[in-house]
């Protein structure tokens, strides 16, 4: 899955002509942190401590069983995602992913390109399904994107996420067979 390229989806304003996805390396850590820090600090989409440090955030994103990828166009980092087994043992045939898009790239097709790449990567890695364990219901861009690509809401966790502005909101479990 290296050197994977896509053309614009044509779905948003200011779509990017071509997005390249490749495995993230240690040299990408500054760009990754520049994307992760504002998302984690906002505390409205990830169940991650908003005060997480740089090293811990990068370890979360790139460490353990996570394989991280970087989306870029014209040398600009647009987003990143990781893929990993959702569970061990009998659940290892289902993968999980996390996504982040650079603020300047939002609405320009980067998330769609990353999801297409993630689905291809998951199939190539032998996964049978993809599951998002904890999609904050107020993250409507993500919920709509996942639904547009065949994910179903298979579970709702009432009040499971403490949103900094809206209080307790539901978290969704979203699932798709590959």
N, C-alpha and C. Protein backbone atom coordinates (compact mmCIF):
# COMPACT_ATOMS: atom_id res chain seq x y z
N UNK A 1 0.80 -1.20 0.00
CA UNK A 1 0.00 0.00 0.00
C UNK A 1 0.85 1.27 0.00
N UNK A 2 2.10 1.17 -0.35
CA UNK A 2 2.91 2.38 -0.43
C UNK A 2 2.72 3.02 -1.79
N UNK A 3 2.89 4.33 -1.85
CA UNK A 3 2.75 5.04 -3.09
C UNK A 3 1.33 5.09 -3.62
N UNK A 4 0.36 4.85 -2.75
CA UNK A 4 -1.06 4.85 -3.13
C UNK A 4 -1.49 6.26 -3.44
N UNK A 5 -2.13 6.46 -4.58
CA UNK A 5 -2.59 7.80 -4.97
C UNK A 5 -4.06 7.74 -5.33
N UNK A 6 -4.71 8.83 -5.14
CA UNK A 6 -6.11 8.96 -5.53
C UNK A 6 -6.32 10.31 -6.17
N UNK A 7 -7.39 10.43 -6.88
CA UNK A 7 -7.77 11.73 -7.40
C UNK A 7 -8.88 12.28 -6.53
N UNK A 8 -9.14 13.54 -6.68
CA UNK A 8 -10.17 14.20 -5.91
C UNK A 8 -11.50 13.46 -6.03
N UNK A 9 -12.25 13.46 -4.93
CA UNK A 9 -13.57 12.86 -4.94
C UNK A 9 -14.60 13.76 -5.58
N UNK A 10 -14.28 15.06 -5.69
CA UNK A 10 -15.22 16.01 -6.26
C UNK A 10 -16.41 16.30 -5.36
N UNK A 11 -16.32 15.94 -4.07
CA UNK A 11 -17.47 16.07 -3.18
C UNK A 11 -17.45 17.34 -2.35
N UNK A 12 -16.30 17.95 -2.17
CA UNK A 12 -16.24 19.13 -1.31
C UNK A 12 -15.74 20.33 -2.09
N UNK A 13 -15.75 21.48 -1.45
CA UNK A 13 -15.22 22.67 -2.10
C UNK A 13 -13.71 22.66 -1.94
N UNK A 14 -13.02 23.06 -2.97
CA UNK A 14 -11.56 23.12 -2.89
C UNK A 14 -10.91 21.75 -2.82
N UNK A 15 -11.51 20.72 -3.43
CA UNK A 15 -10.94 19.39 -3.40
C UNK A 15 -9.51 19.41 -3.92
N UNK A 16 -8.75 18.49 -3.45
CA UNK A 16 -7.35 18.35 -3.84
C UNK A 16 -7.26 17.51 -5.10
N UNK A 17 -6.37 17.88 -6.00
CA UNK A 17 -6.26 17.17 -7.26
C UNK A 17 -5.75 15.75 -7.05
N UNK A 18 -4.74 15.56 -6.22
CA UNK A 18 -4.19 14.23 -6.00
C UNK A 18 -3.65 14.13 -4.58
N UNK A 19 -4.02 13.06 -3.93
CA UNK A 19 -3.58 12.81 -2.56
C UNK A 19 -2.77 11.53 -2.58
N UNK A 20 -1.60 11.57 -1.96
CA UNK A 20 -0.74 10.41 -1.83
C UNK A 20 -0.81 9.94 -0.39
N UNK A 21 -0.93 8.64 -0.20
CA UNK A 21 -0.90 8.05 1.13
C UNK A 21 0.28 7.11 1.22
N UNK A 22 0.97 7.19 2.34
CA UNK A 22 2.15 6.35 2.55
C UNK A 22 2.29 6.09 4.05
N UNK A 23 3.05 5.04 4.40
CA UNK A 23 3.28 4.80 5.83
C UNK A 23 3.96 6.02 6.47
N UNK A 24 3.50 6.37 7.65
CA UNK A 24 4.12 7.47 8.39
C UNK A 24 5.44 6.98 8.98
N UNK A 25 6.41 7.88 9.03
CA UNK A 25 7.71 7.55 9.60
C UNK A 25 7.99 8.50 10.76
N UNK A 26 9.07 8.24 11.45
CA UNK A 26 9.46 9.11 12.56
C UNK A 26 9.70 10.54 12.07
N UNK A 27 10.16 10.69 10.84
CA UNK A 27 10.37 12.03 10.28
C UNK A 27 9.06 12.81 10.14
N UNK A 28 7.93 12.10 10.15
CA UNK A 28 6.62 12.74 10.04
C UNK A 28 6.06 13.19 11.39
N UNK A 29 6.74 12.87 12.48
CA UNK A 29 6.21 13.19 13.81
C UNK A 29 5.88 14.66 14.00
N UNK A 30 6.68 15.62 13.53
CA UNK A 30 6.26 17.02 13.67
C UNK A 30 4.92 17.32 12.98
N UNK A 31 4.75 16.80 11.77
CA UNK A 31 3.49 17.02 11.05
C UNK A 31 2.33 16.31 11.74
N UNK A 32 2.58 15.10 12.22
CA UNK A 32 1.52 14.37 12.93
C UNK A 32 1.10 15.12 14.19
N UNK A 33 2.07 15.57 14.96
CA UNK A 33 1.76 16.29 16.18
C UNK A 33 1.00 17.59 15.88
N UNK A 34 1.36 18.25 14.80
CA UNK A 34 0.66 19.49 14.41
C UNK A 34 -0.81 19.21 14.11
N UNK A 35 -1.13 18.01 13.66
CA UNK A 35 -2.53 17.66 13.41
C UNK A 35 -3.21 17.11 14.65
N UNK A 36 -2.50 16.28 15.40
CA UNK A 36 -3.09 15.64 16.58
C UNK A 36 -3.32 16.60 17.73
N UNK A 37 -2.38 17.49 17.96
CA UNK A 37 -2.48 18.36 19.13
C UNK A 37 -3.78 19.15 19.18
N UNK A 38 -4.16 19.89 18.13
CA UNK A 38 -5.42 20.65 18.25
C UNK A 38 -6.66 19.76 18.41
N UNK A 39 -6.64 18.59 17.79
CA UNK A 39 -7.78 17.68 17.89
C UNK A 39 -7.89 17.13 19.32
N UNK A 40 -6.77 16.68 19.86
CA UNK A 40 -6.79 16.14 21.22
C UNK A 40 -7.08 17.24 22.24
N UNK A 41 -6.50 18.42 22.06
CA UNK A 41 -6.74 19.54 22.99
C UNK A 41 -8.20 19.97 23.00
N UNK A 42 -8.86 19.93 21.83
CA UNK A 42 -10.27 20.32 21.75
C UNK A 42 -11.14 19.40 22.59
N UNK A 43 -10.76 18.14 22.68
CA UNK A 43 -11.48 17.20 23.52
C UNK A 43 -12.90 16.89 23.10
N UNK A 44 -13.23 17.09 21.80
CA UNK A 44 -14.61 16.89 21.39
C UNK A 44 -14.84 15.73 20.43
N UNK A 45 -13.77 15.00 20.07
CA UNK A 45 -13.95 13.87 19.17
C UNK A 45 -13.25 12.59 19.61
N UNK A 46 -12.20 12.68 20.36
CA UNK A 46 -11.45 11.49 20.80
C UNK A 46 -11.53 11.36 22.31
N UNK A 47 -11.65 10.13 22.78
CA UNK A 47 -11.62 9.83 24.21
C UNK A 47 -10.15 9.73 24.64
N UNK A 48 -9.46 10.85 24.50
CA UNK A 48 -8.05 10.99 24.85
C UNK A 48 -7.95 12.18 25.80
N UNK A 49 -7.11 12.07 26.80
CA UNK A 49 -6.91 13.18 27.74
C UNK A 49 -6.48 14.42 26.96
N UNK A 50 -7.24 15.51 27.03
CA UNK A 50 -6.87 16.73 26.30
C UNK A 50 -5.49 17.28 26.67
N UNK A 51 -4.97 16.88 27.82
CA UNK A 51 -3.64 17.33 28.23
C UNK A 51 -2.53 16.38 27.83
N UNK A 52 -2.82 15.40 26.97
CA UNK A 52 -1.81 14.42 26.56
C UNK A 52 -0.57 15.13 26.01
N UNK A 53 0.59 14.61 26.34
CA UNK A 53 1.85 15.16 25.83
C UNK A 53 2.17 14.67 24.44
N UNK A 54 3.11 15.33 23.81
CA UNK A 54 3.50 15.00 22.45
C UNK A 54 3.95 13.55 22.32
N UNK A 55 4.86 13.11 23.17
CA UNK A 55 5.40 11.75 23.08
C UNK A 55 4.30 10.71 23.27
N UNK A 56 3.42 10.94 24.23
CA UNK A 56 2.34 9.99 24.49
C UNK A 56 1.34 9.97 23.32
N UNK A 57 1.06 11.14 22.75
CA UNK A 57 0.13 11.20 21.62
C UNK A 57 0.70 10.46 20.41
N UNK A 58 1.97 10.67 20.13
CA UNK A 58 2.59 10.00 19.00
C UNK A 58 2.69 8.49 19.23
N UNK A 59 2.94 8.09 20.48
CA UNK A 59 2.97 6.67 20.81
C UNK A 59 1.58 6.06 20.64
N UNK A 60 0.55 6.78 21.07
CA UNK A 60 -0.83 6.32 20.87
C UNK A 60 -1.11 6.14 19.38
N UNK A 61 -0.73 7.10 18.57
CA UNK A 61 -1.06 7.09 17.14
C UNK A 61 -0.23 6.08 16.35
N UNK A 62 1.05 5.98 16.68
CA UNK A 62 1.98 5.19 15.86
C UNK A 62 2.51 3.92 16.53
N UNK A 63 2.28 3.77 17.82
CA UNK A 63 2.90 2.68 18.56
C UNK A 63 2.05 1.42 18.64
N UNK A 64 2.60 0.45 19.34
CA UNK A 64 1.89 -0.81 19.55
C UNK A 64 1.54 -1.49 18.25
N UNK A 65 0.30 -1.90 18.12
CA UNK A 65 -0.15 -2.59 16.91
C UNK A 65 -0.65 -1.64 15.83
N UNK A 66 -0.60 -0.34 16.11
CA UNK A 66 -1.07 0.66 15.13
C UNK A 66 -0.08 0.80 13.98
N UNK A 67 -0.59 0.78 12.76
CA UNK A 67 0.18 1.15 11.56
C UNK A 67 -0.36 2.48 11.12
N UNK A 68 0.46 3.51 11.17
CA UNK A 68 0.01 4.87 10.83
C UNK A 68 0.39 5.21 9.39
N UNK A 69 -0.51 5.96 8.74
CA UNK A 69 -0.31 6.42 7.37
C UNK A 69 -0.48 7.93 7.33
N UNK A 70 0.20 8.55 6.38
CA UNK A 70 0.14 9.99 6.20
C UNK A 70 -0.44 10.29 4.82
N UNK A 71 -1.41 11.19 4.77
CA UNK A 71 -1.97 11.67 3.50
C UNK A 71 -1.34 13.02 3.19
N UNK A 72 -0.90 13.20 1.97
CA UNK A 72 -0.26 14.46 1.60
C UNK A 72 -0.55 14.80 0.14
N UNK A 73 -0.42 16.08 -0.16
CA UNK A 73 -0.53 16.57 -1.53
C UNK A 73 0.43 17.74 -1.66
N UNK A 74 1.19 17.74 -2.71
CA UNK A 74 2.17 18.81 -2.95
C UNK A 74 3.05 19.07 -1.74
N UNK A 75 3.45 17.99 -1.06
CA UNK A 75 4.34 18.10 0.10
C UNK A 75 3.68 18.57 1.38
N UNK A 76 2.36 18.79 1.36
CA UNK A 76 1.62 19.26 2.54
C UNK A 76 0.93 18.08 3.21
N UNK A 77 1.14 17.92 4.53
CA UNK A 77 0.45 16.88 5.28
C UNK A 77 -1.02 17.28 5.42
N UNK A 78 -1.91 16.40 4.97
CA UNK A 78 -3.34 16.68 4.98
C UNK A 78 -4.08 15.94 6.07
N UNK A 79 -3.54 14.79 6.45
CA UNK A 79 -4.21 13.98 7.45
C UNK A 79 -3.43 12.72 7.71
N UNK A 80 -3.94 11.96 8.64
CA UNK A 80 -3.31 10.70 8.99
C UNK A 80 -4.39 9.76 9.51
N UNK A 81 -4.11 8.48 9.38
CA UNK A 81 -4.95 7.48 10.03
C UNK A 81 -4.06 6.35 10.49
N UNK A 82 -4.58 5.59 11.47
CA UNK A 82 -3.92 4.36 11.87
C UNK A 82 -4.90 3.22 11.70
N UNK A 83 -4.36 2.03 11.54
CA UNK A 83 -5.14 0.81 11.45
C UNK A 83 -4.51 -0.23 12.36
N UNK A 84 -5.35 -1.01 13.01
CA UNK A 84 -4.87 -2.04 13.93
C UNK A 84 -5.97 -3.08 14.13
N UNK A 85 -5.61 -4.25 14.66
CA UNK A 85 -6.67 -5.18 15.03
C UNK A 85 -7.54 -4.56 16.12
N UNK A 86 -8.84 -4.76 16.01
CA UNK A 86 -9.76 -4.21 16.99
C UNK A 86 -9.63 -4.93 18.34
N UNK A 87 -9.39 -6.22 18.28
CA UNK A 87 -9.23 -7.05 19.47
C UNK A 87 -8.14 -8.07 19.20
N UNK A 88 -7.82 -8.84 20.20
CA UNK A 88 -6.87 -9.94 20.03
C UNK A 88 -7.63 -11.24 19.83
N UNK A 89 -6.90 -12.30 19.58
CA UNK A 89 -7.50 -13.63 19.50
C UNK A 89 -8.64 -13.71 18.52
N UNK A 90 -9.80 -14.15 19.02
CA UNK A 90 -10.97 -14.37 18.18
C UNK A 90 -11.54 -13.11 17.55
N UNK A 91 -11.10 -11.92 17.98
CA UNK A 91 -11.58 -10.67 17.40
C UNK A 91 -10.58 -10.00 16.49
N UNK A 92 -9.45 -10.65 16.25
CA UNK A 92 -8.37 -10.03 15.49
C UNK A 92 -8.64 -9.93 14.00
N UNK A 93 -9.73 -10.53 13.51
CA UNK A 93 -10.07 -10.44 12.08
C UNK A 93 -10.83 -9.15 11.76
N UNK A 94 -11.15 -8.35 12.78
CA UNK A 94 -11.83 -7.07 12.62
C UNK A 94 -10.82 -5.98 12.95
N UNK A 95 -10.72 -4.98 12.10
CA UNK A 95 -9.77 -3.90 12.37
C UNK A 95 -10.48 -2.67 12.92
N UNK A 96 -9.68 -1.79 13.46
CA UNK A 96 -10.12 -0.51 13.99
C UNK A 96 -9.20 0.54 13.37
N UNK A 97 -9.70 1.76 13.23
CA UNK A 97 -8.90 2.85 12.70
C UNK A 97 -9.20 4.12 13.48
N UNK A 98 -8.27 5.06 13.42
CA UNK A 98 -8.47 6.41 13.91
C UNK A 98 -8.03 7.37 12.82
N UNK A 99 -8.74 8.48 12.68
CA UNK A 99 -8.46 9.44 11.60
C UNK A 99 -8.31 10.84 12.16
N UNK A 100 -7.44 11.62 11.54
CA UNK A 100 -7.29 13.04 11.85
C UNK A 100 -7.01 13.77 10.54
N UNK A 101 -7.64 14.92 10.38
CA UNK A 101 -7.44 15.74 9.19
C UNK A 101 -6.90 17.09 9.61
N UNK A 102 -5.92 17.59 8.89
CA UNK A 102 -5.37 18.92 9.18
C UNK A 102 -6.48 19.95 8.97
N UNK A 103 -6.55 20.97 9.81
CA UNK A 103 -7.61 21.97 9.68
C UNK A 103 -7.71 22.56 8.26
N UNK A 104 -6.59 22.84 7.62
CA UNK A 104 -6.61 23.44 6.29
C UNK A 104 -7.11 22.48 5.22
N UNK A 105 -7.13 21.18 5.51
CA UNK A 105 -7.55 20.18 4.52
C UNK A 105 -9.00 19.74 4.70
N UNK A 106 -9.67 20.19 5.74
CA UNK A 106 -11.04 19.76 5.98
C UNK A 106 -11.96 20.21 4.85
N UNK A 107 -12.81 19.30 4.42
CA UNK A 107 -13.74 19.58 3.35
C UNK A 107 -13.13 19.51 1.96
N UNK A 108 -11.91 18.98 1.85
CA UNK A 108 -11.22 18.95 0.56
C UNK A 108 -10.96 17.54 0.04
N UNK A 109 -11.59 16.52 0.64
CA UNK A 109 -11.46 15.17 0.14
C UNK A 109 -10.42 14.31 0.83
N UNK A 110 -9.67 14.86 1.76
CA UNK A 110 -8.60 14.09 2.41
C UNK A 110 -9.16 12.93 3.22
N UNK A 111 -10.21 13.16 3.99
CA UNK A 111 -10.77 12.08 4.82
C UNK A 111 -11.33 10.96 3.95
N UNK A 112 -11.99 11.31 2.85
CA UNK A 112 -12.51 10.29 1.94
C UNK A 112 -11.36 9.47 1.34
N UNK A 113 -10.28 10.14 0.97
CA UNK A 113 -9.13 9.42 0.41
C UNK A 113 -8.51 8.50 1.46
N UNK A 114 -8.40 8.99 2.69
CA UNK A 114 -7.84 8.14 3.75
C UNK A 114 -8.73 6.94 4.02
N UNK A 115 -10.05 7.13 4.03
CA UNK A 115 -10.94 6.01 4.28
C UNK A 115 -10.85 4.99 3.15
N UNK A 116 -10.81 5.45 1.90
CA UNK A 116 -10.66 4.52 0.78
C UNK A 116 -9.37 3.72 0.92
N UNK A 117 -8.29 4.40 1.28
CA UNK A 117 -7.01 3.72 1.49
C UNK A 117 -7.10 2.74 2.64
N UNK A 118 -7.74 3.14 3.74
CA UNK A 118 -7.87 2.27 4.91
C UNK A 118 -8.67 1.01 4.55
N UNK A 119 -9.73 1.15 3.78
CA UNK A 119 -10.51 -0.01 3.39
C UNK A 119 -9.67 -0.95 2.52
N UNK A 120 -8.92 -0.39 1.56
CA UNK A 120 -8.03 -1.21 0.73
C UNK A 120 -6.96 -1.88 1.59
N UNK A 121 -6.37 -1.12 2.50
CA UNK A 121 -5.32 -1.65 3.37
C UNK A 121 -5.86 -2.77 4.25
N UNK A 122 -7.04 -2.56 4.80
CA UNK A 122 -7.66 -3.58 5.66
C UNK A 122 -7.86 -4.88 4.90
N UNK A 123 -8.37 -4.78 3.68
CA UNK A 123 -8.55 -5.98 2.87
C UNK A 123 -7.21 -6.66 2.59
N UNK A 124 -6.20 -5.85 2.22
CA UNK A 124 -4.88 -6.40 1.92
C UNK A 124 -4.25 -7.07 3.13
N UNK A 125 -4.58 -6.58 4.32
CA UNK A 125 -4.05 -7.16 5.56
C UNK A 125 -4.85 -8.38 6.01
N UNK A 126 -5.93 -8.69 5.30
CA UNK A 126 -6.71 -9.88 5.60
C UNK A 126 -7.83 -9.68 6.61
N UNK A 127 -8.16 -8.43 6.94
CA UNK A 127 -9.27 -8.19 7.85
C UNK A 127 -10.60 -8.48 7.16
N UNK A 128 -11.58 -8.95 7.92
CA UNK A 128 -12.90 -9.27 7.38
C UNK A 128 -13.89 -8.14 7.58
N UNK A 129 -13.58 -7.21 8.50
CA UNK A 129 -14.50 -6.11 8.79
C UNK A 129 -13.72 -4.97 9.43
N UNK A 130 -14.36 -3.79 9.46
CA UNK A 130 -13.78 -2.61 10.11
C UNK A 130 -14.83 -2.11 11.11
N UNK A 131 -14.35 -1.76 12.28
CA UNK A 131 -15.24 -1.29 13.34
C UNK A 131 -14.67 -0.03 13.97
N UNK A 132 -15.53 0.97 14.13
CA UNK A 132 -15.19 2.16 14.89
C UNK A 132 -15.90 2.02 16.23
N UNK A 133 -15.14 1.95 17.29
CA UNK A 133 -15.67 1.61 18.61
C UNK A 133 -16.36 2.75 19.34
N UNK A 134 -15.98 3.99 19.04
CA UNK A 134 -16.41 5.09 19.90
C UNK A 134 -16.47 6.37 19.07
N UNK A 135 -17.48 6.46 18.20
CA UNK A 135 -17.65 7.63 17.35
C UNK A 135 -18.58 8.60 18.09
N UNK A 136 -18.07 9.75 18.46
CA UNK A 136 -18.86 10.73 19.18
C UNK A 136 -19.97 11.22 18.26
N UNK A 137 -21.23 11.08 18.70
CA UNK A 137 -22.36 11.37 17.82
C UNK A 137 -22.37 12.80 17.30
N UNK A 138 -21.77 13.75 18.03
CA UNK A 138 -21.73 15.14 17.57
C UNK A 138 -20.67 15.36 16.49
N UNK A 139 -19.84 14.37 16.23
CA UNK A 139 -18.84 14.45 15.17
C UNK A 139 -19.54 14.06 13.86
N UNK A 140 -20.43 14.93 13.41
CA UNK A 140 -21.31 14.59 12.29
C UNK A 140 -20.55 14.38 10.98
N UNK A 141 -19.44 15.06 10.80
CA UNK A 141 -18.67 14.85 9.55
C UNK A 141 -18.20 13.41 9.48
N UNK A 142 -17.68 12.88 10.59
CA UNK A 142 -17.21 11.49 10.61
C UNK A 142 -18.39 10.53 10.47
N UNK A 143 -19.44 10.75 11.24
CA UNK A 143 -20.61 9.86 11.18
C UNK A 143 -21.15 9.80 9.75
N UNK A 144 -21.29 10.94 9.11
CA UNK A 144 -21.81 10.96 7.73
C UNK A 144 -20.86 10.28 6.75
N UNK A 145 -19.57 10.50 6.91
CA UNK A 145 -18.59 9.86 6.02
C UNK A 145 -18.66 8.35 6.17
N UNK A 146 -18.67 7.87 7.41
CA UNK A 146 -18.70 6.42 7.62
C UNK A 146 -20.00 5.84 7.02
N UNK A 147 -21.11 6.51 7.26
CA UNK A 147 -22.39 6.03 6.70
C UNK A 147 -22.36 6.02 5.18
N UNK A 148 -21.80 7.08 4.58
CA UNK A 148 -21.69 7.15 3.12
C UNK A 148 -20.89 5.99 2.54
N UNK A 149 -20.04 5.39 3.36
CA UNK A 149 -19.19 4.29 2.90
C UNK A 149 -19.63 2.94 3.46
N UNK A 150 -20.90 2.84 3.80
CA UNK A 150 -21.47 1.54 4.13
C UNK A 150 -21.39 1.09 5.58
N UNK A 151 -20.98 1.98 6.47
CA UNK A 151 -20.93 1.62 7.88
C UNK A 151 -22.31 1.77 8.50
N UNK A 152 -22.68 0.82 9.33
CA UNK A 152 -23.94 0.87 10.05
C UNK A 152 -23.66 1.18 11.52
N UNK A 153 -24.59 1.88 12.15
CA UNK A 153 -24.53 2.06 13.60
C UNK A 153 -25.07 0.77 14.19
N UNK A 154 -24.21 0.02 14.88
CA UNK A 154 -24.61 -1.26 15.46
C UNK A 154 -24.73 -1.17 16.98
N UNK A 155 -24.38 -0.02 17.52
CA UNK A 155 -24.52 0.17 18.95
C UNK A 155 -24.50 1.64 19.30
N UNK A 156 -25.18 1.98 20.37
CA UNK A 156 -25.22 3.35 20.88
C UNK A 156 -24.94 3.28 22.37
N UNK A 157 -23.97 4.07 22.81
CA UNK A 157 -23.59 4.12 24.22
C UNK A 157 -24.10 5.44 24.78
N UNK A 158 -25.26 5.41 25.44
CA UNK A 158 -25.89 6.65 25.91
C UNK A 158 -25.01 7.42 26.90
N UNK A 159 -24.76 8.68 26.56
CA UNK A 159 -24.02 9.57 27.45
C UNK A 159 -22.60 9.13 27.75
N UNK A 160 -22.01 8.33 26.88
CA UNK A 160 -20.68 7.75 27.15
C UNK A 160 -19.52 8.72 26.95
N UNK A 161 -19.77 9.87 26.33
CA UNK A 161 -18.69 10.83 26.07
C UNK A 161 -19.05 12.17 26.70
N UNK A 162 -18.11 12.72 27.45
CA UNK A 162 -18.30 14.06 28.03
C UNK A 162 -17.75 15.09 27.08
N UNK A 163 -18.63 15.68 26.32
CA UNK A 163 -18.27 16.71 25.35
C UNK A 163 -18.01 18.01 26.11
N UNK A 164 -16.94 18.74 25.79
CA UNK A 164 -16.62 19.95 26.55
C UNK A 164 -17.67 21.05 26.47
N UNK A 165 -18.47 21.08 25.41
CA UNK A 165 -19.50 22.12 25.27
C UNK A 165 -20.92 21.59 25.45
N UNK A 166 -21.15 20.34 25.12
CA UNK A 166 -22.52 19.80 25.11
C UNK A 166 -22.81 18.83 26.25
N UNK A 167 -21.84 18.60 27.11
CA UNK A 167 -22.06 17.67 28.20
C UNK A 167 -22.03 16.24 27.71
N UNK A 168 -22.78 15.37 28.37
CA UNK A 168 -22.78 13.96 28.00
C UNK A 168 -23.53 13.75 26.70
N UNK A 169 -22.84 13.15 25.74
CA UNK A 169 -23.43 12.81 24.45
C UNK A 169 -23.18 11.34 24.18
N UNK A 170 -23.93 10.78 23.26
CA UNK A 170 -23.79 9.36 22.94
C UNK A 170 -22.53 9.10 22.11
N UNK A 171 -22.03 7.90 22.25
CA UNK A 171 -20.96 7.40 21.40
C UNK A 171 -21.55 6.25 20.59
N UNK A 172 -21.15 6.16 19.33
CA UNK A 172 -21.68 5.15 18.42
C UNK A 172 -20.63 4.09 18.13
N UNK A 173 -21.07 2.87 17.95
CA UNK A 173 -20.25 1.79 17.43
C UNK A 173 -20.70 1.62 15.99
N UNK A 174 -19.75 1.76 15.06
CA UNK A 174 -20.07 1.66 13.64
C UNK A 174 -19.26 0.51 13.04
N UNK A 175 -19.90 -0.24 12.12
CA UNK A 175 -19.32 -1.50 11.65
C UNK A 175 -19.62 -1.68 10.17
N UNK A 176 -18.65 -2.31 9.50
CA UNK A 176 -18.82 -2.66 8.08
C UNK A 176 -18.03 -3.91 7.76
N UNK A 177 -18.67 -4.85 7.12
CA UNK A 177 -17.97 -6.03 6.59
C UNK A 177 -17.16 -5.58 5.37
N UNK A 178 -16.03 -6.21 5.17
CA UNK A 178 -15.19 -5.90 4.01
C UNK A 178 -15.41 -6.94 2.93
